[in-house]
PDB file of N, CA and C in Angstrom:
ATOM      1  N   MET A   1     -96.758 -46.935-196.516  1.00  0.00           N
ATOM      2  CA  MET A   1     -97.242 -45.852-197.337  1.00  0.00           C
ATOM      3  C   MET A   1     -96.088 -44.901-197.715  1.00  0.00           C
ATOM      4  N   LEU A   2     -95.189 -44.686-196.788  1.00  0.00           N
ATOM      5  CA  LEU A   2     -94.054 -43.808-197.058  1.00  0.00           C
ATOM      6  C   LEU A   2     -93.143 -44.349-198.162  1.00  0.00           C
ATOM      7  N   PRO A   3     -92.829 -45.657-198.183  1.00  0.00           N
ATOM      8  CA  PRO A   3     -92.022 -46.173-199.302  1.00  0.00           C
ATOM      9  C   PRO A   3     -92.716 -46.008-200.656  1.00  0.00           C
ATOM     10  N   LEU A   4     -94.033 -46.168-200.680  1.00  0.00           N
ATOM     11  CA  LEU A   4     -94.773 -45.962-201.912  1.00  0.00           C
ATOM     12  C   LEU A   4     -94.655 -44.507-202.378  1.00  0.00           C
ATOM     13  N   GLY A   5     -94.664 -43.585-201.439  1.00  0.00           N
ATOM     14  CA  GLY A   5     -94.465 -42.175-201.772  1.00  0.00           C
ATOM     15  C   GLY A   5     -93.089 -41.916-202.365  1.00  0.00           C
ATOM     16  N   PHE A   6     -92.068 -42.572-201.830  1.00  0.00           N
ATOM     17  CA  PHE A   6     -90.717 -42.427-202.384  1.00  0.00           C
ATOM     18  C   PHE A   6     -90.644 -42.970-203.811  1.00  0.00           C
ATOM     19  N   VAL A   7     -91.286 -44.118-204.052  1.00  0.00           N
ATOM     20  CA  VAL A   7     -91.288 -44.705-205.387  1.00  0.00           C
ATOM     21  C   VAL A   7     -91.997 -43.777-206.366  1.00  0.00           C
ATOM     22  N   TRP A   8     -93.185 -43.276-205.980  1.00  0.00           N
ATOM     23  CA  TRP A   8     -93.919 -42.356-206.857  1.00  0.00           C
ATOM     24  C   TRP A   8     -93.137 -41.081-207.108  1.00  0.00           C
ATOM     25  N   GLY A   9     -92.432 -40.593-206.099  1.00  0.00           N
ATOM     26  CA  GLY A   9     -91.600 -39.403-206.277  1.00  0.00           C
ATOM     27  C   GLY A   9     -90.476 -39.637-207.272  1.00  0.00           C
ATOM     28  N   LEU A  10     -89.836 -40.796-207.197  1.00  0.00           N
ATOM     29  CA  LEU A  10     -88.763 -41.129-208.128  1.00  0.00           C
ATOM     30  C   LEU A  10     -89.299 -41.284-209.554  1.00  0.00           C
ATOM     31  N   VAL A  11     -90.453 -41.918-209.680  1.00  0.00           N
ATOM     32  CA  VAL A  11     -91.068 -42.083-211.007  1.00  0.00           C
ATOM     33  C   VAL A  11     -91.432 -40.717-211.586  1.00  0.00           C
ATOM     34  N   ALA A  12     -92.047 -39.866-210.781  1.00  0.00           N
ATOM     35  CA  ALA A  12     -92.433 -38.537-211.254  1.00  0.00           C
ATOM     36  C   ALA A  12     -91.213 -37.707-211.641  1.00  0.00           C
ATOM     37  N   TYR A  13     -90.155 -37.789-210.847  1.00  0.00           N
ATOM     38  CA  TYR A  13     -88.926 -37.056-211.157  1.00  0.00           C
ATOM     39  C   TYR A  13     -88.301 -37.555-212.459  1.00  0.00           C
ATOM     40  N   SER A  14     -88.285 -38.883-212.663  1.00  0.00           N
ATOM     41  CA  SER A  14     -87.691 -39.458-213.878  1.00  0.00           C
ATOM     42  C   SER A  14     -88.485 -39.077-215.122  1.00  0.00           C
ATOM     43  N   VAL A  15     -89.803 -39.211-215.057  1.00  0.00           N
ATOM     44  CA  VAL A  15     -90.638 -38.898-216.208  1.00  0.00           C
ATOM     45  C   VAL A  15     -90.624 -37.392-216.483  1.00  0.00           C
ATOM     46  N   GLY A  16     -90.657 -36.590-215.428  1.00  0.00           N
ATOM     47  CA  GLY A  16     -90.591 -35.135-215.607  1.00  0.00           C
ATOM     48  C   GLY A  16     -89.264 -34.685-216.194  1.00  0.00           C
ATOM     49  N   GLY A  17     -88.182 -35.287-215.741  1.00  0.00           N
ATOM     50  CA  GLY A  17     -86.867 -34.961-216.299  1.00  0.00           C
ATOM     51  C   GLY A  17     -86.748 -35.348-217.754  1.00  0.00           C
ATOM     52  N   TRP A  18     -87.306 -36.504-218.114  1.00  0.00           N
ATOM     53  CA  TRP A  18     -87.270 -36.925-219.511  1.00  0.00           C
ATOM     54  C   TRP A  18     -88.172 -36.057-220.362  1.00  0.00           C
ATOM     55  N   GLY A  19     -89.259 -35.564-219.780  1.00  0.00           N
ATOM     56  CA  GLY A  19     -90.107 -34.613-220.494  1.00  0.00           C
ATOM     57  C   GLY A  19     -89.330 -33.357-220.843  1.00  0.00           C
ATOM     58  N   TYR A  20     -88.495 -32.897-219.930  1.00  0.00           N
ATOM     59  CA  TYR A  20     -87.636 -31.744-220.193  1.00  0.00           C
ATOM     60  C   TYR A  20     -86.668 -32.048-221.337  1.00  0.00           C
ATOM     61  N   VAL A  21     -86.128 -33.269-221.348  1.00  0.00           N
ATOM     62  CA  VAL A  21     -85.222 -33.695-222.417  1.00  0.00           C
ATOM     63  C   VAL A  21     -85.945 -33.650-223.764  1.00  0.00           C
ATOM     64  N   LEU A  22     -87.192 -34.141-223.799  1.00  0.00           N
ATOM     65  CA  LEU A  22     -87.959 -34.137-225.045  1.00  0.00           C
ATOM     66  C   LEU A  22     -88.285 -32.722-225.501  1.00  0.00           C
ATOM     67  N   VAL A  23     -88.643 -31.855-224.568  1.00  0.00           N
ATOM     68  CA  VAL A  23     -88.960 -30.470-224.926  1.00  0.00           C
ATOM     69  C   VAL A  23     -87.730 -29.774-225.493  1.00  0.00           C
ATOM     70  N   ARG A  24     -86.574 -30.061-224.938  1.00  0.00           N
ATOM     71  CA  ARG A  24     -85.334 -29.478-225.452  1.00  0.00           C
ATOM     72  C   ARG A  24     -84.948 -30.054-226.811  1.00  0.00           C
ATOM     73  N   GLY A  25     -85.492 -31.237-227.159  1.00  0.00           N
ATOM     74  CA  GLY A  25     -85.203 -31.854-228.449  1.00  0.00           C
ATOM     75  C   GLY A  25     -83.922 -32.660-228.462  1.00  0.00           C
ATOM     76  N   TRP A  26     -83.465 -33.093-227.308  1.00  0.00           N
ATOM     77  CA  TRP A  26     -82.235 -33.876-227.231  1.00  0.00           C
ATOM     78  C   TRP A  26     -82.499 -35.325-227.597  1.00  0.00           C
ATOM     79  N   ASP A  27     -81.538 -35.975-228.243  1.00  0.00           N
ATOM     80  CA  ASP A  27     -81.664 -37.353-228.701  1.00  0.00           C
ATOM     81  C   ASP A  27     -81.214 -38.317-227.608  1.00  0.00           C
ATOM     82  N   ILE A  28     -82.001 -38.406-226.535  1.00  0.00           N
ATOM     83  CA  ILE A  28     -81.716 -39.294-225.412  1.00  0.00           C
ATOM     84  C   ILE A  28     -82.989 -40.090-225.157  1.00  0.00           C
ATOM     85  N   ASN A  29     -82.921 -41.423-225.209  1.00  0.00           N
ATOM     86  CA  ASN A  29     -84.127 -42.195-224.931  1.00  0.00           C
ATOM     87  C   ASN A  29     -84.311 -42.384-223.432  1.00  0.00           C
ATOM     88  N   PHE A  30     -85.472 -42.880-223.028  1.00  0.00           N
ATOM     89  CA  PHE A  30     -85.822 -42.973-221.607  1.00  0.00           C
ATOM     90  C   PHE A  30     -84.891 -43.909-220.854  1.00  0.00           C
ATOM     91  N   ARG A  31     -84.519 -45.026-221.487  1.00  0.00           N
ATOM     92  CA  ARG A  31     -83.634 -45.978-220.816  1.00  0.00           C
ATOM     93  C   ARG A  31     -82.269 -45.353-220.516  1.00  0.00           C
ATOM     94  N   GLU A  32     -81.727 -44.589-221.460  1.00  0.00           N
ATOM     95  CA  GLU A  32     -80.448 -43.911-221.215  1.00  0.00           C
ATOM     96  C   GLU A  32     -80.596 -42.866-220.108  1.00  0.00           C
ATOM     97  N   TRP A  33     -81.749 -42.237-220.034  1.00  0.00           N
ATOM     98  CA  TRP A  33     -81.953 -41.156-219.070  1.00  0.00           C
ATOM     99  C   TRP A  33     -82.008 -41.666-217.632  1.00  0.00           C
ATOM    100  N   ILE A  34     -82.644 -42.832-217.403  1.00  0.00           N
ATOM    101  CA  ILE A  34     -82.855 -43.287-216.031  1.00  0.00           C
ATOM    102  C   ILE A  34     -81.940 -44.425-215.599  1.00  0.00           C
ATOM    103  N   SER A  35     -81.094 -44.954-216.469  1.00  0.00           N
ATOM    104  CA  SER A  35     -80.274 -46.117-216.153  1.00  0.00           C
ATOM    105  C   SER A  35     -79.244 -45.805-215.065  1.00  0.00           C
ATOM    106  N   PRO A  36     -79.285 -46.508-213.925  1.00  0.00           N
ATOM    107  CA  PRO A  36     -78.280 -46.277-212.891  1.00  0.00           C
ATOM    108  C   PRO A  36     -76.950 -46.976-213.192  1.00  0.00           C
ATOM    109  N   LEU A  37     -76.985 -48.039-214.013  1.00  0.00           N
ATOM    110  CA  LEU A  37     -75.766 -48.776-214.314  1.00  0.00           C
ATOM    111  C   LEU A  37     -74.963 -48.156-215.451  1.00  0.00           C
ATOM    112  N   HIS A  38     -75.641 -47.587-216.428  1.00  0.00           N
ATOM    113  CA  HIS A  38     -74.982 -46.945-217.565  1.00  0.00           C
ATOM    114  C   HIS A  38     -75.604 -45.572-217.785  1.00  0.00           C
ATOM    115  N   PRO A  39     -75.307 -44.621-216.892  1.00  0.00           N
ATOM    116  CA  PRO A  39     -75.948 -43.308-217.027  1.00  0.00           C
ATOM    117  C   PRO A  39     -75.495 -42.595-218.298  1.00  0.00           C
ATOM    118  N   TYR A  40     -76.351 -41.701-218.765  1.00  0.00           N
ATOM    119  CA  TYR A  40     -76.036 -40.951-219.977  1.00  0.00           C
ATOM    120  C   TYR A  40     -74.827 -40.063-219.718  1.00  0.00           C
ATOM    121  N   GLN A  41     -73.867 -40.070-220.630  1.00  0.00           N
ATOM    122  CA  GLN A  41     -72.665 -39.247-220.524  1.00  0.00           C
ATOM    123  C   GLN A  41     -72.806 -38.050-221.448  1.00  0.00           C
ATOM    124  N   TRP A  42     -72.777 -36.853-220.901  1.00  0.00           N
ATOM    125  CA  TRP A  42     -72.866 -35.640-221.715  1.00  0.00           C
ATOM    126  C   TRP A  42     -71.621 -35.517-222.573  1.00  0.00           C
ATOM    127  N   PRO A  43     -71.768 -35.108-223.835  1.00  0.00           N
ATOM    128  CA  PRO A  43     -70.598 -34.909-224.684  1.00  0.00           C
ATOM    129  C   PRO A  43     -69.799 -33.697-224.200  1.00  0.00           C
ATOM    130  N   ALA A  44     -68.513 -33.723-224.471  1.00  0.00           N
ATOM    131  CA  ALA A  44     -67.644 -32.634-224.034  1.00  0.00           C
ATOM    132  C   ALA A  44     -67.956 -31.328-224.749  1.00  0.00           C
ATOM    133  N   SER A  45     -68.629 -31.389-225.892  1.00  0.00           N
ATOM    134  CA  SER A  45     -68.904 -30.187-226.673  1.00  0.00           C
ATOM    135  C   SER A  45     -70.042 -29.357-226.104  1.00  0.00           C
ATOM    136  N   GLY A  46     -70.751 -29.828-225.097  1.00  0.00           N
ATOM    137  CA  GLY A  46     -71.843 -29.056-224.509  1.00  0.00           C
ATOM    138  C   GLY A  46     -73.132 -29.841-224.477  1.00  0.00           C
ATOM    139  N   ASP A  47     -74.122 -29.448-225.282  1.00  0.00           N
ATOM    140  CA  ASP A  47     -75.415 -30.117-225.300  1.00  0.00           C
ATOM    141  C   ASP A  47     -75.348 -31.427-226.070  1.00  0.00           C
ATOM    142  N   PRO A  48     -76.213 -32.392-225.711  1.00  0.00           N
ATOM    143  CA  PRO A  48     -76.269 -33.635-226.482  1.00  0.00           C
ATOM    144  C   PRO A  48     -76.829 -33.384-227.872  1.00  0.00           C
ATOM    145  N   PRO A  49     -76.687 -34.352-228.782  1.00  0.00           N
ATOM    146  CA  PRO A  49     -77.226 -34.166-230.136  1.00  0.00           C
ATOM    147  C   PRO A  49     -78.747 -34.033-230.102  1.00  0.00           C
ATOM    148  N   THR A  50     -79.294 -33.305-231.065  1.00  0.00           N
ATOM    149  CA  THR A  50     -80.732 -33.095-231.121  1.00  0.00           C
ATOM    150  C   THR A  50     -81.407 -34.181-231.953  1.00  0.00           C
ATOM    151  N   ILE A  51     -82.705 -34.330-231.747  1.00  0.00           N
ATOM    152  CA  ILE A  51     -83.494 -35.294-232.515  1.00  0.00           C
ATOM    153  C   ILE A  51     -83.541 -34.801-233.958  1.00  0.00           C
ATOM    154  N   PRO A  52     -83.240 -35.660-234.934  1.00  0.00           N
ATOM    155  CA  PRO A  52     -83.272 -35.224-236.334  1.00  0.00           C
ATOM    156  C   PRO A  52     -84.665 -34.756-236.750  1.00  0.00           C
ATOM    157  N   VAL A  53     -84.707 -33.817-237.652  1.00  0.00           N
ATOM    158  CA  VAL A  53     -85.966 -33.287-238.157  1.00  0.00           C
ATOM    159  C   VAL A  53     -86.729 -34.414-238.851  1.00  0.00           C
ATOM    160  N   GLY A  54     -88.004 -34.513-238.589  1.00  0.00           N
ATOM    161  CA  GLY A  54     -88.823 -35.556-239.177  1.00  0.00           C
ATOM    162  C   GLY A  54     -89.036 -36.747-238.264  1.00  0.00           C
ATOM    163  N   ARG A  55     -88.357 -36.809-237.144  1.00  0.00           N
ATOM    164  CA  ARG A  55     -88.561 -37.887-236.183  1.00  0.00           C
ATOM    165  C   ARG A  55     -89.329 -37.338-234.991  1.00  0.00           C
ATOM    166  N   ILE A  56     -90.142 -38.193-234.413  1.00  0.00           N
ATOM    167  CA  ILE A  56     -90.949 -37.771-233.282  1.00  0.00           C
ATOM    168  C   ILE A  56     -90.279 -38.135-231.964  1.00  0.00           C
ATOM    169  N   TRP A  57     -89.756 -39.340-231.850  1.00  0.00           N
ATOM    170  CA  TRP A  57     -89.141 -39.810-230.612  1.00  0.00           C
ATOM    171  C   TRP A  57     -87.642 -39.982-230.795  1.00  0.00           C
ATOM    172  N   PRO A  58     -86.870 -39.842-229.727  1.00  0.00           N
ATOM    173  CA  PRO A  58     -85.435 -40.102-229.814  1.00  0.00           C
ATOM    174  C   PRO A  58     -85.162 -41.548-230.203  1.00  0.00           C
ATOM    175  N   HIS A  59     -84.167 -41.759-231.013  1.00  0.00           N
ATOM    176  CA  HIS A  59     -83.712 -43.084-231.437  1.00  0.00           C
ATOM    177  C   HIS A  59     -84.785 -43.888-232.152  1.00  0.00           C
ATOM    178  N   SER A  60     -85.771 -43.249-232.757  1.00  0.00           N
ATOM    179  CA  SER A  60     -86.757 -44.020-233.508  1.00  0.00           C
ATOM    180  C   SER A  60     -86.079 -44.547-234.766  1.00  0.00           C
ATOM    181  N   GLY A  61     -86.440 -45.761-235.166  1.00  0.00           N
ATOM    182  CA  GLY A  61     -85.761 -46.435-236.259  1.00  0.00           C
ATOM    183  C   GLY A  61     -85.805 -45.688-237.576  1.00  0.00           C
ATOM    184  N   ALA A  62     -86.966 -45.483-238.121  1.00  0.00           N
ATOM    185  CA  ALA A  62     -87.093 -44.818-239.417  1.00  0.00           C
ATOM    186  C   ALA A  62     -87.690 -43.431-239.221  1.00  0.00           C
ATOM    187  N   ALA A  63     -87.349 -42.545-240.104  1.00  0.00           N
ATOM    188  CA  ALA A  63     -87.899 -41.194-240.030  1.00  0.00           C
ATOM    189  C   ALA A  63     -89.388 -41.245-240.322  1.00  0.00           C
ATOM    190  N   GLN A  64     -90.128 -40.425-239.599  1.00  0.00           N
ATOM    191  CA  GLN A  64     -91.569 -40.341-239.799  1.00  0.00           C
ATOM    192  C   GLN A  64     -91.847 -39.457-241.014  1.00  0.00           C
ATOM    193  N   THR A  65     -92.934 -39.703-241.666  1.00  0.00           N
ATOM    194  CA  THR A  65     -93.306 -38.853-242.789  1.00  0.00           C
ATOM    195  C   THR A  65     -94.171 -37.713-242.285  1.00  0.00           C
ATOM    196  N   GLY A  66     -94.180 -36.633-243.008  1.00  0.00           N
ATOM    197  CA  GLY A  66     -95.006 -35.496-242.628  1.00  0.00           C
ATOM    198  C   GLY A  66     -94.166 -34.267-242.366  1.00  0.00           C
ATOM    199  N   GLU A  67     -94.761 -33.327-241.690  1.00  0.00           N
ATOM    200  CA  GLU A  67     -94.094 -32.061-241.402  1.00  0.00           C
ATOM    201  C   GLU A  67     -93.017 -32.253-240.343  1.00  0.00           C
ATOM    202  N   PRO A  68     -91.964 -31.432-240.391  1.00  0.00           N
ATOM    203  CA  PRO A  68     -90.941 -31.501-239.342  1.00  0.00           C
ATOM    204  C   PRO A  68     -91.543 -31.147-237.990  1.00  0.00           C
ATOM    205  N   VAL A  69     -91.047 -31.788-236.939  1.00  0.00           N
ATOM    206  CA  VAL A  69     -91.569 -31.537-235.613  1.00  0.00           C
ATOM    207  C   VAL A  69     -90.620 -30.725-234.750  1.00  0.00           C
ATOM    208  N   ALA A  70     -89.374 -30.592-235.150  1.00  0.00           N
ATOM    209  CA  ALA A  70     -88.411 -29.824-234.379  1.00  0.00           C
ATOM    210  C   ALA A  70     -88.546 -28.350-234.707  1.00  0.00           C
ATOM    211  N   PHE A  71     -88.466 -27.523-233.697  1.00  0.00           N
ATOM    212  CA  PHE A  71     -88.565 -26.087-233.886  1.00  0.00           C
ATOM    213  C   PHE A  71     -87.230 -25.447-233.548  1.00  0.00           C
ATOM    214  N   GLY A  72     -86.850 -24.424-234.269  1.00  0.00           N
ATOM    215  CA  GLY A  72     -85.614 -23.729-233.975  1.00  0.00           C
ATOM    216  C   GLY A  72     -85.040 -23.080-235.226  1.00  0.00           C
ATOM    217  N   ALA A  73     -83.921 -22.429-235.035  1.00  0.00           N
ATOM    218  CA  ALA A  73     -83.291 -21.706-236.124  1.00  0.00           C
ATOM    219  C   ALA A  73     -82.743 -22.656-237.194  1.00  0.00           C
ATOM    220  N   ASP A  74     -82.414 -23.897-236.800  1.00  0.00           N
ATOM    221  CA  ASP A  74     -81.846 -24.834-237.771  1.00  0.00           C
ATOM    222  C   ASP A  74     -82.932 -25.555-238.574  1.00  0.00           C
ATOM    223  N   ASN A  75     -84.187 -25.211-238.344  1.00  0.00           N
ATOM    224  CA  ASN A  75     -85.293 -25.844-239.052  1.00  0.00           C
ATOM    225  C   ASN A  75     -85.982 -24.814-239.936  1.00  0.00           C
ATOM    226  N   PRO A  76     -85.695 -24.802-241.222  1.00  0.00           N
ATOM    227  CA  PRO A  76     -86.275 -23.780-242.083  1.00  0.00           C
ATOM    228  C   PRO A  76     -87.777 -23.936-242.266  1.00  0.00           C
ATOM    229  N   GLY A  77     -88.341 -25.100-241.986  1.00  0.00           N
ATOM    230  CA  GLY A  77     -89.769 -25.300-242.170  1.00  0.00           C
ATOM    231  C   GLY A  77     -90.601 -24.947-240.950  1.00  0.00           C
ATOM    232  N   ALA A  78     -89.958 -24.514-239.868  1.00  0.00           N
ATOM    233  CA  ALA A  78     -90.689 -24.218-238.638  1.00  0.00           C
ATOM    234  C   ALA A  78     -91.488 -22.927-238.790  1.00  0.00           C
ATOM    235  N   VAL A  79     -92.634 -22.936-238.194  1.00  0.00           N
ATOM    236  CA  VAL A  79     -93.495 -21.740-238.196  1.00  0.00           C
ATOM    237  C   VAL A  79     -93.128 -20.898-236.995  1.00  0.00           C
ATOM    238  N   ALA A  80     -92.827 -19.643-237.229  1.00  0.00           N
ATOM    239  CA  ALA A  80     -92.408 -18.771-236.125  1.00  0.00           C
ATOM    240  C   ALA A  80     -93.580 -18.186-235.398  1.00  0.00           C
TER     241      ALA A  80
END
């Protein structure tokens, strides 16, 4: 039972951490976030690149149609 608790804890930590990445709007997919062999390398400039306006998920192939989903000062269509 204890090993199962460790596995669930690791899964919860990974998914929760990636949720934070999505809320911040960073362009990091789940595989890059949790990979132990090729961990995500932060750029030297500070924060990672943000998800482009019009896309819902990081690294999605084509831009989604509809209203922009990113919020912030760099998004003129965002509702304050």
